[in-house]
Structures are given as C-alpha cells and as structure tokens.
PDB file of all heavy atoms in Angstrom:
ATOM      1  N   GLY A   1       2.693   7.579   4.940  1.00  0.00           N
ATOM      2  CA  GLY A   1       2.660   8.851   4.340  1.00  0.00           C
ATOM      3  C   GLY A   1       1.982   8.832   2.851  1.00  0.00           C
ATOM      4  O   GLY A   1       1.758   9.776   2.241  1.00  0.00           O
ATOM      5  N   GLY A   2       1.700   7.521   2.405  1.00  0.00           N
ATOM      6  CA  GLY A   2       1.050   7.354   1.186  1.00  0.00           C
ATOM      7  C   GLY A   2      -0.428   7.600   1.188  1.00  0.00           C
ATOM      8  O   GLY A   2      -1.002   7.976   2.251  1.00  0.00           O
ATOM      9  N   SER A   3      -1.009   7.458   0.021  1.00  0.00           N
ATOM     10  CA  SER A   3      -2.527   7.746  -0.096  1.00  0.00           C
ATOM     11  C   SER A   3      -3.276   6.576  -0.829  1.00  0.00           C
ATOM     12  O   SER A   3      -2.568   5.837  -1.599  1.00  0.00           O
ATOM     13  CB  SER A   3      -2.752   9.126  -0.887  1.00  0.00           C
ATOM     14  OG  SER A   3      -2.192  10.074  -0.230  1.00  0.00           O
ATOM     15  N   LEU A   4      -4.514   6.412  -0.510  1.00  0.00           N
ATOM     16  CA  LEU A   4      -5.373   5.561  -1.196  1.00  0.00           C
ATOM     17  C   LEU A   4      -6.630   6.080  -1.344  1.00  0.00           C
ATOM     18  O   LEU A   4      -7.014   6.926  -0.495  1.00  0.00           O
ATOM     19  CB  LEU A   4      -5.284   4.200  -0.391  1.00  0.00           C
ATOM     20  CG  LEU A   4      -4.238   3.215  -0.463  1.00  0.00           C
ATOM     21  CD1 LEU A   4      -4.646   2.047   0.521  1.00  0.00           C
ATOM     22  CD2 LEU A   4      -4.058   2.670  -1.845  1.00  0.00           C
ATOM     23  N   ARG A   5      -7.475   5.665  -2.297  1.00  0.00           N
ATOM     24  CA  ARG A   5      -8.892   6.113  -2.384  1.00  0.00           C
ATOM     25  C   ARG A   5      -9.687   4.800  -2.384  1.00  0.00           C
ATOM     26  O   ARG A   5      -9.599   3.965  -3.330  1.00  0.00           O
ATOM     27  CB  ARG A   5      -9.162   7.034  -3.584  1.00  0.00           C
ATOM     28  CG  ARG A   5     -10.632   7.474  -3.656  1.00  0.00           C
ATOM     29  CD  ARG A   5     -10.938   8.318  -4.834  1.00  0.00           C
ATOM     30  NE  ARG A   5     -11.147   7.344  -5.946  1.00  0.00           N
ATOM     31  CZ  ARG A   5     -11.691   7.788  -7.072  1.00  0.00           C
ATOM     32  NH1 ARG A   5     -12.095   9.028  -7.228  1.00  0.00           N
ATOM     33  NH2 ARG A   5     -11.818   6.883  -8.164  1.00  0.00           N
ATOM     34  N   LEU A   6     -10.463   4.682  -1.369  1.00  0.00           N
ATOM     35  CA  LEU A   6     -11.397   3.463  -1.264  1.00  0.00           C
ATOM     36  C   LEU A   6     -12.716   3.869  -1.943  1.00  0.00           C
ATOM     37  O   LEU A   6     -13.147   5.111  -1.832  1.00  0.00           O
ATOM     38  CB  LEU A   6     -11.568   3.138   0.098  1.00  0.00           C
ATOM     39  CG  LEU A   6     -10.394   2.801   1.004  1.00  0.00           C
ATOM     40  CD1 LEU A   6     -10.754   2.273   2.370  1.00  0.00           C
ATOM     41  CD2 LEU A   6      -9.518   1.923   0.348  1.00  0.00           C
ATOM     42  N   SER A   7     -13.350   2.909  -2.570  1.00  0.00           N
ATOM     43  CA  SER A   7     -14.579   3.148  -3.295  1.00  0.00           C
ATOM     44  C   SER A   7     -15.593   2.056  -2.713  1.00  0.00           C
ATOM     45  O   SER A   7     -15.257   0.980  -2.369  1.00  0.00           O
ATOM     46  CB  SER A   7     -14.535   2.979  -4.795  1.00  0.00           C
ATOM     47  OG  SER A   7     -13.655   3.983  -5.385  1.00  0.00           O
ATOM     48  N   CYS A   8     -16.860   2.404  -2.661  1.00  0.00           N
ATOM     49  CA  CYS A   8     -17.782   1.588  -2.206  1.00  0.00           C
ATOM     50  C   CYS A   8     -19.072   1.813  -3.294  1.00  0.00           C
ATOM     51  O   CYS A   8     -19.714   2.872  -3.213  1.00  0.00           O
ATOM     52  CB  CYS A   8     -18.344   1.851  -0.811  1.00  0.00           C
ATOM     53  SG  CYS A   8     -19.695   0.937  -0.312  1.00  0.00           S
ATOM     54  N   ALA A   9     -19.334   0.760  -4.003  1.00  0.00           N
ATOM     55  CA  ALA A   9     -20.370   0.863  -5.018  1.00  0.00           C
ATOM     56  C   ALA A   9     -21.555   0.220  -4.529  1.00  0.00           C
ATOM     57  O   ALA A   9     -21.527  -0.837  -3.946  1.00  0.00           O
ATOM     58  CB  ALA A   9     -19.803   0.137  -6.257  1.00  0.00           C
ATOM     59  N   ALA A  10     -22.647   0.854  -4.694  1.00  0.00           N
ATOM     60  CA  ALA A  10     -23.962   0.429  -4.119  1.00  0.00           C
ATOM     61  C   ALA A  10     -24.831  -0.039  -5.364  1.00  0.00           C
ATOM     62  O   ALA A  10     -24.917   0.559  -6.381  1.00  0.00           O
ATOM     63  CB  ALA A  10     -24.644   1.400  -3.250  1.00  0.00           C
ATOM     64  N   SER A  11     -25.570  -1.020  -5.136  1.00  0.00           N
ATOM     65  CA  SER A  11     -26.541  -1.565  -6.084  1.00  0.00           C
ATOM     66  C   SER A  11     -27.869  -0.821  -5.837  1.00  0.00           C
ATOM     67  O   SER A  11     -28.149  -0.321  -4.679  1.00  0.00           O
ATOM     68  CB  SER A  11     -26.707  -3.087  -6.084  1.00  0.00           C
ATOM     69  OG  SER A  11     -27.207  -3.484  -4.731  1.00  0.00           O
ATOM     70  N   GLY A  12     -28.747  -0.954  -6.786  1.00  0.00           N
ATOM     71  CA  GLY A  12     -30.086  -0.341  -6.656  1.00  0.00           C
ATOM     72  C   GLY A  12     -30.219   1.093  -7.101  1.00  0.00           C
ATOM     73  O   GLY A  12     -29.137   1.687  -7.532  1.00  0.00           O
ATOM     74  N   ARG A  13     -31.433   1.687  -6.916  1.00  0.00           N
ATOM     75  CA  ARG A  13     -31.734   2.900  -7.444  1.00  0.00           C
ATOM     76  C   ARG A  13     -32.086   3.879  -6.187  1.00  0.00           C
ATOM     77  O   ARG A  13     -32.602   4.955  -6.436  1.00  0.00           O
ATOM     78  CB  ARG A  13     -32.758   2.902  -8.466  1.00  0.00           C
ATOM     79  CG  ARG A  13     -32.622   1.915  -9.625  1.00  0.00           C
ATOM     80  CD  ARG A  13     -33.790   1.851 -10.421  1.00  0.00           C
ATOM     81  NE  ARG A  13     -34.001   3.015 -11.325  1.00  0.00           N
ATOM     82  CZ  ARG A  13     -35.021   3.213 -12.046  1.00  0.00           C
ATOM     83  NH1 ARG A  13     -35.942   2.157 -12.305  1.00  0.00           N
ATOM     84  NH2 ARG A  13     -35.091   4.341 -12.898  1.00  0.00           N
ATOM     85  N   THR A  14     -31.797   3.497  -4.987  1.00  0.00           N
ATOM     86  CA  THR A  14     -32.156   4.220  -3.928  1.00  0.00           C
ATOM     87  C   THR A  14     -30.972   4.689  -3.009  1.00  0.00           C
ATOM     88  O   THR A  14     -31.144   4.915  -1.901  1.00  0.00           O
ATOM     89  CB  THR A  14     -33.107   3.574  -3.071  1.00  0.00           C
ATOM     90  OG1 THR A  14     -32.586   2.254  -2.594  1.00  0.00           O
ATOM     91  CG2 THR A  14     -34.529   3.297  -3.780  1.00  0.00           C
ATOM     92  N   PHE A  15     -29.791   4.660  -3.641  1.00  0.00           N
ATOM     93  CA  PHE A  15     -28.606   5.044  -2.966  1.00  0.00           C
ATOM     94  C   PHE A  15     -28.639   6.420  -2.172  1.00  0.00           C
ATOM     95  O   PHE A  15     -28.155   6.452  -1.076  1.00  0.00           O
ATOM     96  CB  PHE A  15     -27.515   5.002  -3.970  1.00  0.00           C
ATOM     97  CG  PHE A  15     -26.154   5.371  -3.289  1.00  0.00           C
ATOM     98  CD1 PHE A  15     -25.421   4.593  -2.468  1.00  0.00           C
ATOM     99  CD2 PHE A  15     -25.548   6.681  -3.583  1.00  0.00           C
ATOM    100  CE1 PHE A  15     -24.289   4.933  -1.711  1.00  0.00           C
ATOM    101  CE2 PHE A  15     -24.326   7.059  -3.090  1.00  0.00           C
ATOM    102  CZ  PHE A  15     -23.677   6.274  -2.076  1.00  0.00           C
ATOM    103  N   SER A  16     -29.304   7.313  -2.807  1.00  0.00           N
ATOM    104  CA  SER A  16     -29.267   8.686  -2.233  1.00  0.00           C
ATOM    105  C   SER A  16     -30.024   8.697  -0.872  1.00  0.00           C
ATOM    106  O   SER A  16     -29.811   9.780  -0.202  1.00  0.00           O
ATOM    107  CB  SER A  16     -29.874   9.742  -3.283  1.00  0.00           C
ATOM    108  OG  SER A  16     -31.135   9.343  -3.486  1.00  0.00           O
ATOM    109  N   ARG A  17     -30.836   7.759  -0.605  1.00  0.00           N
ATOM    110  CA  ARG A  17     -31.644   7.818   0.690  1.00  0.00           C
ATOM    111  C   ARG A  17     -30.809   7.463   1.931  1.00  0.00           C
ATOM    112  O   ARG A  17     -31.338   7.479   2.984  1.00  0.00           O
ATOM    113  CB  ARG A  17     -33.003   6.992   0.548  1.00  0.00           C
ATOM    114  CG  ARG A  17     -32.664   5.564   0.799  1.00  0.00           C
ATOM    115  CD  ARG A  17     -33.919   4.839   0.582  1.00  0.00           C
ATOM    116  NE  ARG A  17     -34.086   3.516   1.245  1.00  0.00           N
ATOM    117  CZ  ARG A  17     -34.931   2.537   0.906  1.00  0.00           C
ATOM    118  NH1 ARG A  17     -35.858   2.695   0.045  1.00  0.00           N
ATOM    119  NH2 ARG A  17     -34.780   1.398   1.742  1.00  0.00           N
ATOM    120  N   TYR A  18     -29.640   6.750   1.620  1.00  0.00           N
ATOM    121  CA  TYR A  18     -28.892   6.217   2.700  1.00  0.00           C
ATOM    122  C   TYR A  18     -27.811   7.077   3.231  1.00  0.00           C
ATOM    123  O   TYR A  18     -27.174   7.856   2.414  1.00  0.00           O
ATOM    124  CB  TYR A  18     -28.304   4.859   2.224  1.00  0.00           C
ATOM    125  CG  TYR A  18     -29.217   3.877   1.990  1.00  0.00           C
ATOM    126  CD1 TYR A  18     -29.534   3.457   0.570  1.00  0.00           C
ATOM    127  CD2 TYR A  18     -29.882   3.079   2.936  1.00  0.00           C
ATOM    128  CE1 TYR A  18     -30.381   2.470   0.305  1.00  0.00           C
ATOM    129  CE2 TYR A  18     -30.697   2.141   2.639  1.00  0.00           C
ATOM    130  CZ  TYR A  18     -30.926   1.726   1.331  1.00  0.00           C
ATOM    131  OH  TYR A  18     -31.914   0.807   1.077  1.00  0.00           O
ATOM    132  N   SER A  19     -27.601   7.209   4.549  1.00  0.00           N
ATOM    133  CA  SER A  19     -26.386   7.653   5.097  1.00  0.00           C
ATOM    134  C   SER A  19     -25.316   6.575   4.878  1.00  0.00           C
ATOM    135  O   SER A  19     -25.598   5.478   5.103  1.00  0.00           O
ATOM    136  CB  SER A  19     -26.579   7.948   6.606  1.00  0.00           C
ATOM    137  OG  SER A  19     -27.397   9.138   6.621  1.00  0.00           O
ATOM    138  N   MET A  20     -24.087   6.825   4.691  1.00  0.00           N
ATOM    139  CA  MET A  20     -23.114   5.987   4.430  1.00  0.00           C
ATOM    140  C   MET A  20     -21.950   6.315   5.435  1.00  0.00           C
ATOM    141  O   MET A  20     -21.594   7.286   5.688  1.00  0.00           O
ATOM    142  CB  MET A  20     -22.652   6.186   2.982  1.00  0.00           C
ATOM    143  CG  MET A  20     -23.519   6.056   1.946  1.00  0.00           C
ATOM    144  SD  MET A  20     -24.403   4.245   1.869  1.00  0.00           S
ATOM    145  CE  MET A  20     -22.798   3.378   1.443  1.00  0.00           C
ATOM    146  N   GLY A  21     -21.326   5.093   5.756  1.00  0.00           N
ATOM    147  CA  GLY A  21     -20.234   5.109   6.692  1.00  0.00           C
ATOM    148  C   GLY A  21     -19.096   4.180   6.333  1.00  0.00           C
ATOM    149  O   GLY A  21     -19.221   3.238   5.608  1.00  0.00           O
ATOM    150  N   TRP A  22     -17.802   4.544   6.893  1.00  0.00           N
ATOM    151  CA  TRP A  22     -16.710   3.648   6.752  1.00  0.00           C
ATOM    152  C   TRP A  22     -16.282   3.190   8.140  1.00  0.00           C
ATOM    153  O   TRP A  22     -16.146   4.051   9.101  1.00  0.00           O
ATOM    154  CB  TRP A  22     -15.536   4.313   6.013  1.00  0.00           C
ATOM    155  CG  TRP A  22     -15.765   4.453   4.528  1.00  0.00           C
ATOM    156  CD1 TRP A  22     -16.223   5.600   3.990  1.00  0.00           C
ATOM    157  CD2 TRP A  22     -15.384   3.488   3.584  1.00  0.00           C
ATOM    158  NE1 TRP A  22     -16.277   5.385   2.623  1.00  0.00           N
ATOM    159  CE2 TRP A  22     -15.688   4.107   2.261  1.00  0.00           C
ATOM    160  CE3 TRP A  22     -14.932   2.203   3.588  1.00  0.00           C
ATOM    161  CZ2 TRP A  22     -15.644   3.487   1.177  1.00  0.00           C
ATOM    162  CZ3 TRP A  22     -14.756   1.543   2.329  1.00  0.00           C
ATOM    163  CH2 TRP A  22     -15.069   2.208   1.196  1.00  0.00           C
ATOM    164  N   PHE A  23     -15.966   1.961   8.305  1.00  0.00           N
ATOM    165  CA  PHE A  23     -15.607   1.467   9.736  1.00  0.00           C
ATOM    166  C   PHE A  23     -14.484   0.517   9.410  1.00  0.00           C
ATOM    167  O   PHE A  23     -14.154   0.014   8.300  1.00  0.00           O
ATOM    168  CB  PHE A  23     -16.756   0.687  10.323  1.00  0.00           C
ATOM    169  CG  PHE A  23     -17.989   1.465  10.624  1.00  0.00           C
ATOM    170  CD1 PHE A  23     -18.947   1.770   9.671  1.00  0.00           C
ATOM    171  CD2 PHE A  23     -18.191   2.069  11.863  1.00  0.00           C
ATOM    172  CE1 PHE A  23     -19.998   2.542   9.846  1.00  0.00           C
ATOM    173  CE2 PHE A  23     -19.351   2.847  12.083  1.00  0.00           C
ATOM    174  CZ  PHE A  23     -20.186   3.030  11.091  1.00  0.00           C
ATOM    175  N   ARG A  24     -13.743   0.266  10.563  1.00  0.00           N
ATOM    176  CA  ARG A  24     -12.606  -0.704  10.578  1.00  0.00           C
ATOM    177  C   ARG A  24     -12.536  -1.441  12.024  1.00  0.00           C
ATOM    178  O   ARG A  24     -13.064  -0.801  12.857  1.00  0.00           O
ATOM    179  CB  ARG A  24     -11.346   0.022  10.320  1.00  0.00           C
ATOM    180  CG  ARG A  24     -10.953   0.933  11.357  1.00  0.00           C
ATOM    181  CD  ARG A  24      -9.745   1.777  10.902  1.00  0.00           C
ATOM    182  NE  ARG A  24      -9.238   2.626  11.965  1.00  0.00           N
ATOM    183  CZ  ARG A  24      -8.381   3.619  11.835  1.00  0.00           C
ATOM    184  NH1 ARG A  24      -7.846   3.912  10.689  1.00  0.00           N
ATOM    185  NH2 ARG A  24      -8.048   4.486  12.780  1.00  0.00           N
ATOM    186  N   PRO A  25     -12.138  -2.676  11.864  1.00  0.00           N
ATOM    187  CA  PRO A  25     -12.055  -3.387  13.177  1.00  0.00           C
ATOM    188  C   PRO A  25     -11.078  -2.743  14.132  1.00  0.00           C
ATOM    189  O   PRO A  25     -10.059  -2.117  13.661  1.00  0.00           O
ATOM    190  CB  PRO A  25     -11.565  -4.804  12.875  1.00  0.00           C
ATOM    191  CG  PRO A  25     -12.092  -4.993  11.374  1.00  0.00           C
ATOM    192  CD  PRO A  25     -11.771  -3.500  10.872  1.00  0.00           C
ATOM    193  N   ALA A  26     -11.205  -2.867  15.418  1.00  0.00           N
ATOM    194  CA  ALA A  26     -10.308  -2.191  16.482  1.00  0.00           C
ATOM    195  C   ALA A  26     -10.305  -3.124  17.568  1.00  0.00           C
ATOM    196  O   ALA A  26     -11.444  -3.881  17.962  1.00  0.00           O
ATOM    197  CB  ALA A  26     -10.778  -0.835  16.753  1.00  0.00           C
ATOM    198  N   PRO A  27      -9.261  -3.207  18.439  1.00  0.00           N
ATOM    199  CA  PRO A  27      -9.248  -3.945  19.607  1.00  0.00           C
ATOM    200  C   PRO A  27     -10.412  -3.703  20.566  1.00  0.00           C
ATOM    201  O   PRO A  27     -10.764  -2.527  20.932  1.00  0.00           O
ATOM    202  CB  PRO A  27      -7.855  -3.608  20.280  1.00  0.00           C
ATOM    203  CG  PRO A  27      -6.963  -3.178  19.124  1.00  0.00           C
ATOM    204  CD  PRO A  27      -8.018  -2.482  18.256  1.00  0.00           C
ATOM    205  N   GLY A  28     -11.095  -4.708  20.913  1.00  0.00           N
ATOM    206  CA  GLY A  28     -12.247  -4.535  21.832  1.00  0.00           C
ATOM    207  C   GLY A  28     -13.470  -4.005  21.276  1.00  0.00           C
ATOM    208  O   GLY A  28     -14.426  -3.773  21.972  1.00  0.00           O
ATOM    209  N   LYS A  29     -13.608  -3.889  19.940  1.00  0.00           N
ATOM    210  CA  LYS A  29     -14.755  -3.276  19.222  1.00  0.00           C
ATOM    211  C   LYS A  29     -15.021  -4.228  18.112  1.00  0.00           C
ATOM    212  O   LYS A  29     -14.149  -4.798  17.521  1.00  0.00           O
ATOM    213  CB  LYS A  29     -14.422  -1.881  18.816  1.00  0.00           C
ATOM    214  CG  LYS A  29     -14.128  -0.945  19.848  1.00  0.00           C
ATOM    215  CD  LYS A  29     -13.903   0.491  19.350  1.00  0.00           C
ATOM    216  CE  LYS A  29     -13.463   1.448  20.401  1.00  0.00           C
ATOM    217  NZ  LYS A  29     -13.176   2.799  19.707  1.00  0.00           N
ATOM    218  N   GLU A  30     -16.375  -4.308  17.715  1.00  0.00           N
ATOM    219  CA  GLU A  30     -16.743  -4.965  16.514  1.00  0.00           C
ATOM    220  C   GLU A  30     -16.339  -4.074  15.374  1.00  0.00           C
ATOM    221  O   GLU A  30     -15.740  -4.726  14.408  1.00  0.00           O
ATOM    222  CB  GLU A  30     -18.297  -5.209  16.561  1.00  0.00           C
ATOM    223  CG  GLU A  30     -18.678  -6.244  17.528  1.00  0.00           C
ATOM    224  CD  GLU A  30     -18.490  -7.742  17.052  1.00  0.00           C
ATOM    225  OE1 GLU A  30     -18.243  -7.828  15.652  1.00  0.00           O
ATOM    226  OE2 GLU A  30     -17.865  -8.563  17.793  1.00  0.00           O
ATOM    227  N   ARG A  31     -16.735  -2.924  15.381  1.00  0.00           N
ATOM    228  CA  ARG A  31     -16.282  -1.880  14.417  1.00  0.00           C
ATOM    229  C   ARG A  31     -16.003  -0.513  14.981  1.00  0.00           C
ATOM    230  O   ARG A  31     -16.681  -0.064  15.954  1.00  0.00           O
ATOM    231  CB  ARG A  31     -17.416  -1.664  13.387  1.00  0.00           C
ATOM    232  CG  ARG A  31     -17.892  -3.011  12.636  1.00  0.00           C
ATOM    233  CD  ARG A  31     -16.804  -3.387  11.512  1.00  0.00           C
ATOM    234  NE  ARG A  31     -17.180  -4.339  10.658  1.00  0.00           N
ATOM    235  CZ  ARG A  31     -17.038  -5.633  10.984  1.00  0.00           C
ATOM    236  NH1 ARG A  31     -16.310  -6.072  12.039  1.00  0.00           N
ATOM    237  NH2 ARG A  31     -17.536  -6.609   9.942  1.00  0.00           N
ATOM    238  N   GLU A  32     -14.932   0.041  14.468  1.00  0.00           N
ATOM    239  CA  GLU A  32     -14.537   1.408  14.898  1.00  0.00           C
ATOM    240  C   GLU A  32     -15.013   2.367  13.818  1.00  0.00           C
ATOM    241  O   GLU A  32     -14.688   2.155  12.634  1.00  0.00           O
ATOM    242  CB  GLU A  32     -13.026   1.506  15.122  1.00  0.00           C
ATOM    243  CG  GLU A  32     -12.622   2.933  15.542  1.00  0.00           C
ATOM    244  CD  GLU A  32     -11.034   2.950  15.661  1.00  0.00           C
ATOM    245  OE1 GLU A  32     -10.372   2.660  14.619  1.00  0.00           O
ATOM    246  OE2 GLU A  32     -10.508   3.392  16.662  1.00  0.00           O
TER     247      GLU A  32
END
C-alpha cells in the first residue's frame, strides 16, 4: 500500500529525442 518515486537521470543533451520506458524482470521473460 505504500508509495515510491523512481527517477532515471539521463546524461547528454538529447534526452528529449528518446522515448523512455520502465521494465522489470518477470518469470520467463527478459524484461516485462
């Protein structure tokens, strides 16, 4: 029931050109 805020800091000056995603491992998958 709790909360967290994850942050992902990117280096460089072209961050805005990227689509960004969050993934996590899952059984039978490299990334979910």
